[in-house]
Protein backbone atom coordinates (compact mmCIF):
# COMPACT_ATOMS: atom_id res chain seq x y z
CA MET A 1 0.00 0.00 0.00
CA THR A 2 1.49 3.34 -1.00
CA ALA A 3 0.98 6.55 0.88
CA SER A 4 -1.56 9.00 -0.44
CA PRO A 5 0.08 11.78 -2.50
CA LEU A 6 -1.89 14.25 -0.38
CA ALA A 7 -0.63 12.79 2.89
CA SER A 8 2.07 15.37 3.37
CA ASP A 9 2.99 17.85 6.05
CA ASP A 10 4.54 20.16 3.48
CA PRO A 11 2.82 23.55 3.89
CA THR A 12 3.16 24.19 0.15
CA SER A 13 1.18 21.08 -0.79
CA ALA A 14 -2.56 20.85 -1.33
CA VAL A 15 -4.78 20.72 1.74
CA HIS A 16 -5.19 17.15 2.90
CA PRO A 17 -8.81 15.91 2.76
CA VAL A 18 -8.70 15.39 6.53
CA ASP A 19 -8.09 19.13 7.02
CA GLU A 20 -10.55 20.33 4.34
CA ARG A 21 -13.10 22.83 5.64
CA LEU A 22 -16.44 22.28 3.95
CA PRO A 23 -19.29 24.83 3.66
CA LEU A 24 -21.34 25.13 6.85
CA PRO A 25 -24.58 23.57 5.46
CA ARG A 26 -22.66 20.47 4.33
CA LEU A 27 -20.85 20.25 7.65
CA ALA A 28 -24.14 20.46 9.56
CA ALA A 29 -25.82 17.71 7.51
CA LEU A 30 -22.80 15.40 7.56
CA GLY A 31 -22.27 16.03 11.27
CA LEU A 32 -25.92 15.19 11.98
CA GLN A 33 -25.42 11.84 10.23
CA HIS A 34 -22.62 11.01 12.66
CA VAL A 35 -24.80 12.01 15.61
CA LEU A 36 -27.67 9.77 14.48
CA VAL A 37 -25.31 6.81 14.11
CA MET A 38 -23.81 7.12 17.60
CA TYR A 39 -26.75 8.52 19.59
CA GLY A 40 -28.25 5.18 20.64
CA GLY A 41 -24.97 3.95 22.10
CA ALA A 42 -24.28 7.28 23.76
CA VAL A 43 -27.48 7.26 25.81
CA ALA A 44 -27.55 3.52 26.57
CA VAL A 45 -24.82 3.55 29.23
CA PRO A 46 -26.40 6.30 31.38
CA LEU A 47 -29.69 4.40 31.27
CA ILE A 48 -28.06 1.12 32.36
CA VAL A 49 -25.89 2.58 35.12
CA GLY A 50 -28.60 4.98 36.30
CA ARG A 51 -31.03 2.08 36.77
CA ALA A 52 -28.40 -0.02 38.56
CA LEU A 53 -27.75 2.86 40.97
CA GLY A 54 -31.47 3.20 41.63
CA LEU A 55 -31.52 6.88 40.64
CA THR A 56 -34.70 8.83 40.04
CA SER A 57 -35.95 9.60 36.53
CA ALA A 58 -34.80 13.21 36.89
CA GLN A 59 -31.31 12.06 37.91
CA VAL A 60 -31.08 9.64 34.99
CA ALA A 61 -32.14 12.46 32.66
CA LEU A 62 -29.30 14.53 34.15
CA LEU A 63 -26.86 11.70 33.37
CA ILE A 64 -28.05 11.62 29.75
CA SER A 65 -27.75 15.38 29.25
CA ALA A 66 -24.28 15.38 30.81
CA ASP A 67 -23.29 12.44 28.61
CA LEU A 68 -24.37 14.17 25.40
CA PHE A 69 -22.60 17.39 26.42
CA CYS A 70 -19.35 15.56 27.20
CA CYS A 71 -19.58 13.44 24.03
CA GLY A 72 -19.54 16.67 22.06
CA LEU A 73 -16.85 18.34 24.15
CA VAL A 74 -14.44 15.40 23.98
CA THR A 75 -15.13 14.95 20.24
CA LEU A 76 -14.13 18.58 19.68
CA ILE A 77 -10.87 18.03 21.59
CA GLN A 78 -10.10 14.81 19.69
CA SER A 79 -10.84 16.15 16.22
CA ILE A 80 -9.54 19.72 16.53
CA GLY A 81 -6.66 18.99 18.89
CA ILE A 82 -5.03 21.03 21.65
CA SER A 83 -1.35 21.83 21.02
CA ARG A 84 0.64 18.69 20.12
CA HIS A 85 -0.42 16.69 23.13
CA PHE A 86 -4.18 16.17 22.83
CA GLY A 87 -6.15 15.01 19.80
CA VAL A 88 -5.46 12.56 16.97
CA ARG A 89 -6.90 15.14 14.49
CA LEU A 90 -8.85 12.55 12.48
CA PRO A 91 -12.64 12.35 11.87
CA VAL A 92 -13.40 10.76 15.24
CA MET A 93 -16.65 10.80 17.23
CA MET A 94 -16.18 10.12 20.94
CA GLY A 95 -18.79 8.34 23.03
CA VAL A 96 -19.20 6.38 26.26
CA THR A 97 -17.50 3.00 26.19
CA PHE A 98 -19.49 -0.14 27.03
CA ALA A 99 -16.30 -1.78 28.37
CA ALA A 100 -16.81 0.08 31.65
CA VAL A 101 -20.44 -0.94 32.20
CA GLY A 102 -19.64 -4.18 34.08
CA PRO A 103 -17.34 -2.60 36.71
CA MET A 104 -19.67 0.38 37.16
CA VAL A 105 -22.70 -1.85 37.71
CA ALA A 106 -20.65 -3.94 40.14
CA ALA A 107 -19.81 -0.73 42.04
CA ALA A 108 -23.51 0.12 42.05
CA ASN A 109 -24.15 -3.23 43.80
CA VAL A 110 -22.05 -2.05 46.74
CA HIS A 111 -22.99 1.63 46.84
CA GLY A 112 -26.44 2.57 45.57
CA GLY A 113 -27.90 5.98 44.87
CA THR A 114 -25.82 9.15 44.92
CA ASP A 115 -23.11 7.54 47.07
CA GLY A 116 -22.51 5.00 44.32
CA ALA A 117 -22.52 7.72 41.68
CA ARG A 118 -19.91 9.71 43.62
CA ALA A 119 -17.70 6.61 43.97
CA ILE A 120 -17.93 5.89 40.24
CA PHE A 121 -17.14 9.47 39.26
CA GLY A 122 -14.18 9.55 41.65
CA ALA A 123 -12.84 6.33 40.11
CA LEU A 124 -13.17 7.86 36.65
CA ILE A 125 -11.23 10.98 37.66
CA GLY A 126 -8.43 8.80 39.04
CA ALA A 127 -8.42 6.44 36.06
CA GLY A 128 -8.43 9.38 33.66
CA LEU A 129 -5.32 10.86 35.25
CA VAL A 130 -3.50 7.50 35.19
CA SER A 131 -4.57 6.90 31.57
CA MET A 132 -3.11 10.21 30.42
CA ALA A 133 0.18 9.24 32.07
CA LEU A 134 0.11 5.82 30.32
CA ALA A 135 -0.67 7.21 26.85
CA PRO A 136 3.00 7.62 25.74
CA LEU A 137 3.69 4.01 26.72
CA MET A 138 0.64 2.80 24.80
CA GLY A 139 1.72 4.91 21.81
CA ARG A 140 4.88 2.79 21.52
CA LEU A 141 2.70 -0.21 20.59
CA LEU A 142 2.27 1.17 17.07
CA ARG A 143 5.23 -0.81 15.72
CA PHE A 144 3.45 -4.06 16.58
CA PHE A 145 0.64 -3.35 14.09
CA PRO A 146 1.76 -4.27 10.55
CA PRO A 147 -0.92 -4.70 7.82
CA VAL A 148 -1.63 -8.35 8.68
CA VAL A 149 -2.47 -7.29 12.25
CA THR A 150 -4.21 -4.04 11.35
CA GLY A 151 -6.37 -5.62 8.64
CA THR A 152 -7.40 -8.48 10.93
CA ILE A 153 -8.40 -6.10 13.72
CA ILE A 154 -10.44 -3.91 11.35
CA VAL A 155 -12.25 -6.97 9.98
CA MET A 156 -13.11 -7.95 13.56
CA ILE A 157 -14.34 -4.44 14.31
CA GLY A 158 -16.70 -4.70 11.35
CA ILE A 159 -17.91 -8.17 12.34
CA THR A 160 -18.60 -6.96 15.87
CA LEU A 161 -20.50 -3.95 14.56
CA MET A 162 -22.58 -6.05 12.18
CA ARG A 163 -24.24 -7.61 15.24
CA VAL A 164 -25.16 -4.08 16.33
CA GLY A 165 -26.61 -3.22 12.92
CA ILE A 166 -28.62 -6.43 12.76
CA GLY A 167 -29.89 -5.79 16.30
CA TRP A 168 -31.05 -2.34 15.20
CA ALA A 169 -32.93 -3.83 12.25
CA MET A 170 -34.63 -6.30 14.61
CA GLY A 171 -35.89 -3.39 16.70
CA GLY A 172 -33.68 -4.04 19.72
CA PRO A 173 -32.63 -7.13 21.70
CA ALA A 174 -34.82 -10.23 21.94
CA SER A 175 -35.08 -9.58 25.69
CA THR A 176 -35.16 -6.23 27.41
CA ALA A 177 -34.69 -5.11 30.99
CA GLN A 178 -37.97 -4.96 32.87
CA THR A 179 -38.89 -1.61 34.38
CA VAL A 180 -38.12 -1.77 38.10
CA ASP A 181 -38.71 1.03 40.59
CA ALA A 182 -35.75 2.56 42.43
CA ALA A 183 -36.60 1.00 45.81
CA THR A 184 -36.71 -2.52 44.32
CA LEU A 185 -33.39 -1.94 42.56
CA ARG A 186 -31.73 -0.89 45.80
CA THR A 187 -33.14 -3.95 47.59
CA MET A 188 -31.81 -6.22 44.83
CA ALA A 189 -28.41 -4.53 44.94
CA THR A 190 -28.15 -4.91 48.74
CA ALA A 191 -29.10 -8.59 48.61
CA GLN A 192 -26.63 -9.39 45.83
CA ALA A 193 -23.79 -7.40 47.40
CA SER A 194 -24.16 -9.38 50.64
CA ALA A 195 -23.98 -12.71 48.80
CA ALA A 196 -20.94 -14.95 49.30
CA THR A 197 -19.89 -14.37 45.71
CA PRO A 198 -20.67 -10.83 44.50
CA ARG A 199 -22.07 -10.76 40.99
CA PRO A 200 -23.50 -8.16 38.64
CA LEU A 201 -26.93 -6.76 39.30
CA LEU A 202 -29.47 -9.05 37.68
CA VAL A 203 -32.27 -6.86 36.38
CA PRO A 204 -35.32 -8.98 35.44
CA MET A 205 -35.55 -9.56 31.68
CA VAL A 206 -38.72 -9.85 29.66
CA ASP A 207 -39.21 -10.99 26.07
CA ASN A 208 -39.40 -8.21 23.51
CA PRO A 209 -42.71 -8.88 21.72
CA ASN A 210 -41.72 -6.61 18.83
CA TYR A 211 -38.43 -8.36 18.15
CA ALA A 212 -37.99 -8.94 14.40
CA ALA A 213 -41.49 -7.60 13.69
CA LEU A 214 -42.11 -7.76 9.95
CA ASP A 215 -43.11 -4.10 9.71
CA HIS A 216 -39.89 -3.07 11.45
CA LEU A 217 -37.84 -5.23 9.09
CA ALA A 218 -39.71 -3.67 6.18
CA VAL A 219 -38.80 -0.15 7.31
CA ALA A 220 -35.14 -1.19 7.72
CA GLY A 221 -35.32 -2.60 4.19
CA VAL A 222 -36.75 0.67 2.87
CA VAL A 223 -33.92 2.62 4.50
CA LEU A 224 -31.35 0.27 2.94
CA ILE A 225 -32.93 0.55 -0.52
CA VAL A 226 -33.07 4.36 -0.33
CA ILE A 227 -29.39 4.52 0.66
CA LEU A 228 -28.41 2.25 -2.22
CA LEU A 229 -30.48 4.30 -4.70
CA VAL A 230 -28.92 7.55 -3.49
CA ILE A 231 -25.39 6.13 -3.72
CA ARG A 232 -26.07 4.71 -7.21
CA TYR A 233 -27.90 7.60 -8.89
CA LEU A 234 -26.99 10.80 -7.04
CA ARG A 235 -23.68 12.64 -6.94
CA GLY A 236 -21.80 15.11 -4.78
CA PHE A 237 -23.32 16.36 -1.56
CA LEU A 238 -26.53 14.30 -1.82
CA ALA A 239 -24.53 11.10 -2.21
CA ASN A 240 -22.49 12.04 0.86
CA ILE A 241 -25.62 12.29 3.03
CA ALA A 242 -27.12 9.03 1.76
CA VAL A 243 -27.44 7.68 5.32
CA LEU A 244 -29.22 10.83 6.49
CA ILE A 245 -31.63 10.71 3.54
CA GLY A 246 -32.33 7.03 4.20
CA ALA A 247 -32.90 7.68 7.93
CA ALA A 248 -35.21 10.63 7.18
CA THR A 249 -37.23 8.45 4.81
CA GLY A 250 -37.44 5.73 7.44
CA CYS A 251 -38.60 8.25 10.05
CA GLY A 252 -41.36 9.43 7.71
CA VAL A 253 -42.55 5.85 7.22
CA ALA A 254 -42.36 5.17 10.98
CA VAL A 255 -44.44 8.29 11.75
CA ALA A 256 -47.07 7.22 9.19
CA MET A 257 -47.19 3.77 10.83
CA GLY A 258 -47.55 5.27 14.30
CA GLU A 259 -44.20 3.77 15.37
CA MET A 260 -42.54 7.13 15.99
CA THR A 261 -44.09 9.71 18.29
CA PHE A 262 -43.00 13.01 19.78
CA GLU A 263 -44.35 12.74 23.34
CA LYS A 264 -40.86 12.94 24.90
CA VAL A 265 -40.15 16.06 22.85
CA SER A 266 -43.21 17.86 24.18
CA ARG A 267 -42.35 16.98 27.81
CA ALA A 268 -38.65 17.89 27.65
CA PRO A 269 -37.49 21.39 28.72
CA TRP A 270 -35.88 23.73 26.20
CA PHE A 271 -32.67 24.50 28.08
CA GLU A 272 -30.74 23.03 31.00
CA PHE A 273 -27.19 23.63 32.26
CA VAL A 274 -24.80 20.73 32.79
CA THR A 275 -23.42 21.24 36.31
CA PRO A 276 -20.11 19.71 37.50
CA PHE A 277 -20.31 17.46 40.58
CA ALA A 278 -24.12 17.59 40.56
CA PHE A 279 -24.21 14.53 42.87
CA GLY A 280 -21.75 16.02 45.34
CA PRO A 281 -17.96 15.75 45.73
CA PRO A 282 -16.48 12.52 44.33
CA THR A 283 -15.13 9.79 46.60
CA PHE A 284 -12.03 7.74 45.76
CA ASP A 285 -11.79 3.98 46.24
CA VAL A 286 -8.33 2.61 45.39
CA VAL A 287 -9.66 -0.74 44.18
CA LEU A 288 -12.31 0.87 41.99
CA VAL A 289 -9.75 3.33 40.56
CA GLY A 290 -7.49 0.36 39.71
CA THR A 291 -10.36 -1.50 38.08
CA MET A 292 -11.33 1.47 35.94
CA THR A 293 -7.67 1.99 34.97
CA LEU A 294 -7.58 -1.60 33.68
CA VAL A 295 -10.72 -0.84 31.67
CA MET A 296 -9.02 2.24 30.22
CA VAL A 297 -6.02 0.14 29.11
CA VAL A 298 -8.49 -2.07 27.24
CA VAL A 299 -10.15 1.02 25.77
CA MET A 300 -6.82 2.46 24.58
CA ILE A 301 -5.86 -0.78 22.82
CA GLU A 302 -9.24 -0.79 21.05
CA SER A 303 -8.79 2.89 20.19
CA THR A 304 -5.46 2.06 18.56
CA GLY A 305 -7.33 -0.22 16.17
CA MET A 306 -9.90 2.49 15.42
CA PHE A 307 -7.22 5.10 14.72
CA LEU A 308 -5.36 2.70 12.42
CA ALA A 309 -8.59 2.06 10.52
CA LEU A 310 -9.25 5.79 10.10
CA ALA A 311 -5.65 6.43 9.10
CA ASP A 312 -6.03 3.90 6.29
CA ILE A 313 -9.44 5.20 5.19
CA THR A 314 -8.38 8.85 5.18
CA GLY A 315 -4.82 8.45 3.90
CA ARG A 316 -3.44 10.46 6.85
CA PRO A 317 -0.33 8.83 8.39
CA LEU A 318 -0.69 7.75 12.00
CA THR A 319 2.55 8.58 13.78
CA ARG A 320 3.54 7.61 17.29
CA GLN A 321 3.01 11.21 18.38
CA SER A 322 -0.49 11.44 16.88
CA LEU A 323 -1.46 8.06 18.35
CA THR A 324 -0.25 9.13 21.80
CA ALA A 325 -2.15 12.42 21.49
CA GLY A 326 -5.31 10.52 20.56
CA LEU A 327 -5.00 8.01 23.40
CA ARG A 328 -4.33 10.84 25.82
CA VAL A 329 -7.79 12.24 24.96
CA ASP A 330 -9.32 8.91 26.05
CA GLY A 331 -7.90 9.64 29.50
CA LEU A 332 -8.80 13.33 29.42
CA GLY A 333 -12.34 12.49 28.30
CA THR A 334 -12.72 10.06 31.18
CA LEU A 335 -11.47 12.73 33.59
CA ILE A 336 -13.98 15.21 32.15
CA GLY A 337 -16.69 12.56 32.47
CA GLY A 338 -15.98 12.17 36.18
CA VAL A 339 -16.22 15.92 36.69
CA PHE A 340 -19.45 16.35 34.72
CA ASN A 341 -21.32 13.32 36.16
CA THR A 342 -20.87 10.93 33.24
CA PHE A 343 -18.67 8.04 32.12
CA PRO A 344 -15.44 6.94 30.28
CA TYR A 345 -15.01 7.96 26.63
CA THR A 346 -13.56 6.29 23.55
CA SER A 347 -13.70 6.60 19.77
CA TYR A 348 -16.91 5.13 18.33
CA SER A 349 -16.25 2.43 15.75
CA GLN A 350 -19.64 2.75 14.04
CA ASN A 351 -18.64 6.22 12.87
CA VAL A 352 -15.59 4.72 11.16
CA GLY A 353 -18.01 2.91 8.87
CA LEU A 354 -19.82 6.14 8.09
CA VAL A 355 -16.55 7.76 6.96
CA SER A 356 -16.11 4.83 4.55
CA VAL A 357 -19.64 5.12 3.20
CA THR A 358 -19.61 8.89 2.62
CA GLY A 359 -16.02 9.12 1.42
CA VAL A 360 -15.82 12.47 3.25
CA ARG A 361 -12.56 12.44 5.21
CA SER A 362 -12.69 15.92 6.74
CA ARG A 363 -12.27 15.95 10.51
CA TRP A 364 -14.33 19.14 10.57
CA VAL A 365 -17.42 17.02 9.89
CA CYS A 366 -16.89 15.38 13.28
CA VAL A 367 -16.21 18.81 14.76
CA ALA A 368 -19.69 19.76 13.53
CA GLY A 369 -21.05 16.53 15.00
CA GLY A 370 -19.39 17.33 18.32
CA ALA A 371 -20.91 20.82 18.32
CA ILE A 372 -24.35 19.28 17.68
CA MET A 373 -23.85 16.91 20.64
CA VAL A 374 -22.94 19.83 22.91
CA VAL A 375 -26.14 21.60 21.84
CA LEU A 376 -28.18 18.43 22.43
CA GLY A 377 -26.75 18.23 25.94
CA LEU A 378 -27.88 21.78 26.67
CA LEU A 379 -31.25 21.54 24.87
CA PRO A 380 -33.10 18.47 26.21
CA LYS A 381 -35.98 19.02 23.78
CA MET A 382 -33.66 18.60 20.78
CA ALA A 383 -32.02 15.58 22.40
CA ALA A 384 -35.46 14.01 22.87
CA LEU A 385 -36.21 14.56 19.17
CA VAL A 386 -33.10 12.62 18.11
CA GLU A 387 -33.85 9.95 20.72
CA SER A 388 -37.30 9.47 19.16
CA VAL A 389 -35.78 7.89 16.03
CA PRO A 390 -36.62 4.15 16.27
CA LEU A 391 -33.71 1.71 16.22
CA PHE A 392 -35.10 -0.21 13.27
CA VAL A 393 -34.86 2.95 11.15
CA LEU A 394 -31.09 2.86 11.67
CA GLY A 395 -30.96 -0.88 10.99
CA GLY A 396 -30.77 -0.62 7.20
CA ALA A 397 -28.05 2.03 7.46
CA GLY A 398 -26.08 -0.12 9.89
CA LEU A 399 -25.72 -2.95 7.37
CA VAL A 400 -24.14 -0.57 4.87
CA MET A 401 -21.86 1.28 7.28
CA PHE A 402 -20.58 -1.66 9.26
CA GLY A 403 -20.14 -3.82 6.17
CA MET A 404 -17.85 -1.08 4.85
CA VAL A 405 -15.63 -1.50 7.90
CA VAL A 406 -15.22 -5.21 7.08
CA ALA A 407 -14.46 -4.27 3.47
CA SER A 408 -11.77 -1.81 4.64
CA GLY A 409 -10.08 -4.57 6.62
CA ILE A 410 -10.21 -6.94 3.66
CA ARG A 411 -8.66 -4.26 1.45
CA ILE A 412 -5.73 -3.91 3.86
CA LEU A 413 -5.30 -7.69 4.01
CA SER A 414 -5.22 -7.82 0.20
CA ALA A 415 -1.78 -6.13 0.38
CA VAL A 416 -0.43 -8.83 2.74
CA ASP A 417 1.82 -11.52 1.27
CA PHE A 418 -0.10 -14.75 1.78
CA GLN A 419 1.59 -16.66 -1.07
CA GLY A 420 5.20 -16.21 -0.01
CA ASN A 421 4.41 -16.37 3.71
CA ARG A 422 1.54 -18.76 4.36
CA ARG A 423 1.97 -18.25 8.11
CA ASN A 424 0.09 -14.95 7.68
CA LEU A 425 -3.00 -17.05 6.94
CA TYR A 426 -2.78 -18.57 10.41
CA ILE A 427 -2.48 -15.13 11.99
CA VAL A 428 -5.75 -13.99 10.38
CA ALA A 429 -7.62 -17.27 10.88
CA ILE A 430 -6.76 -17.79 14.55
CA ALA A 431 -7.06 -14.13 15.59
CA VAL A 432 -10.54 -13.82 14.06
CA GLY A 433 -11.54 -17.13 15.66
CA VAL A 434 -10.38 -15.96 19.09
CA GLY A 435 -12.27 -12.68 18.64
CA MET A 436 -15.48 -14.57 17.85
CA ILE A 437 -15.50 -16.33 21.24
CA PRO A 438 -17.35 -13.60 23.18
CA GLN A 439 -19.61 -13.04 20.16
CA GLU A 440 -20.84 -16.63 20.05
CA ALA A 441 -20.42 -17.52 23.75
CA PRO A 442 -21.13 -14.31 25.70
CA ARG A 443 -21.11 -16.18 29.06
CA TRP A 444 -17.76 -17.90 28.50
CA THR A 445 -16.15 -15.98 31.39
CA GLN A 446 -18.70 -16.97 34.05
CA GLN A 447 -16.30 -19.46 35.72
CA MET A 448 -13.40 -16.97 35.70
CA ALA A 449 -12.37 -14.21 38.08
CA HIS A 450 -14.69 -11.23 37.77
CA GLY A 451 -11.74 -8.85 37.35
CA LEU A 452 -10.75 -10.54 34.07
CA ARG A 453 -14.05 -9.91 32.37
CA PRO A 454 -13.32 -6.42 31.00
CA VAL A 455 -10.37 -7.95 29.15
CA LEU A 456 -12.01 -11.17 28.00
CA GLU A 457 -15.43 -9.93 26.94
CA SER A 458 -14.19 -7.70 24.11
CA GLY A 459 -13.86 -9.52 20.80
CA ILE A 460 -11.90 -6.60 19.34
CA LEU A 461 -9.39 -6.67 22.19
CA LEU A 462 -8.98 -10.46 22.01
CA THR A 463 -8.37 -10.25 18.27
CA SER A 464 -5.84 -7.45 18.79
CA ILE A 465 -3.88 -9.41 21.40
CA ALA A 466 -4.01 -12.66 19.41
CA ALA A 467 -2.96 -11.01 16.14
CA VAL A 468 -0.04 -9.15 17.74
CA LEU A 469 1.23 -12.25 19.57
CA LEU A 470 0.82 -14.52 16.52
CA ASN A 471 2.66 -12.03 14.33
CA LEU A 472 5.51 -11.91 16.86
CA TYR A 473 5.55 -15.72 16.96
CA PHE A 474 5.43 -16.34 13.20
CA ASN A 475 7.16 -13.22 11.86
CA ARG A 476 9.20 -12.22 14.94
CA GLY A 477 8.07 -8.59 14.66
CA GLY A 478 11.32 -7.11 13.36
CA ARG A 479 11.30 -6.23 9.67
CA SER A 480 7.66 -7.24 9.27
CA ALA A 481 6.57 -4.72 11.90
CA LYS A 482 8.65 -1.97 10.31
CA VAL A 483 7.19 -2.63 6.88
CA GLY A 484 3.74 -2.58 8.44
CA LEU A 485 4.31 0.87 9.87
CA THR A 486 5.21 2.28 6.48
CA GLU A 487 2.25 0.67 4.74
CA ALA A 488 -0.22 1.56 7.47
CA GLY A 489 0.85 5.17 7.39
CA GLY A 490 3.14 5.38 10.42
CA PRO A 491 6.77 6.49 10.61
CA THR A 492 9.42 4.40 8.88
């Protein structure tokens, strides 16, 4: 793979597509697409953790507003950059990581209500500070990611995301958490915390009667067809917002069917400040800080894969310095999350697929998306409007976007020498197989120590570790790793 002729730091050369500043109307529309893609994941974590803590509806709403505000703020830092030390300066959307849900729910088992929230936020502040200190060390891992490793990881990212897209098209999971009042949640948490073997809070599950409903699948199909028609027959700006056009069409159909309403919009206030330490001063538990730091190490390894994918898609070289600056924002975002009553942050992989679909590589699109998220955090009524979009509307778009991530990984692997070095086949085959374990057997860690679960429940992380170790075993790193850096866009 040769470097893009535009991928140059020479000030006399043409502006790189990553740095291109598009007209404001285009930026707004393209940024809104990114927001729609990530919104569901962004609000899910506050809902889960808020319920586990037994918080009131008003307090959970506060968590969601704070989350949206911080998503936007951290995205702005990551995409624009602050000096040389913060921000990868690629089209990255930052959102709450699901890797931290398990430890945070476990903490909620011990400390319910606002006390639990303060303990979680204190742990995030501590973990954020440690993560920023670890970022330079993590940045040195770049040399262990040649094309055979990078391509395998990106394929696994796409495979993992395809499950998300299919779940959207089905209208959500087959089983959903039953609504439980705060008092019952606290009683459950107390009982489980006092058990001989502490375990995650078990919220009662009920079957989702609308799972895979034919009308929902039909709407997802309509969205997919509209996107394909736009990509095939339209050009320029309209082709770039194919996902937004498809989602808007799906929303129109959902409204006509009575599947999309605006009750939450009418009830939500117009404006609300996001206040730091709204639950009181944070408390610091050394064990919980250590646990969240381990989660952040996992997050930074996954982020490395995301940044490598974006570097390949955009043609912008990923240097050790830019990788370190990007990983440092993971820690800074987590620190900001602890201050503003929300959770750890990472780059969202689903938005990587959207960059592939649109072909628009400008980081200023994600800057626009970050600005929209900040506004949504301050204007609950607008946030409620975006939240009203049914999941199945995004289902058809998910198949396109996440499939493009898989295709990007395959394209990188096509440059790998499989004929002269058949051992590369084993690297790909075994690493993907290892990454599929938590996908196909989500309870495979139930007999293991609870502290290992953040590491072992991420298919992307398992694939990353397996691919790196197998490449070291078969190719001994060395020259292969150096060649990989050049081809993947890093320093020679």
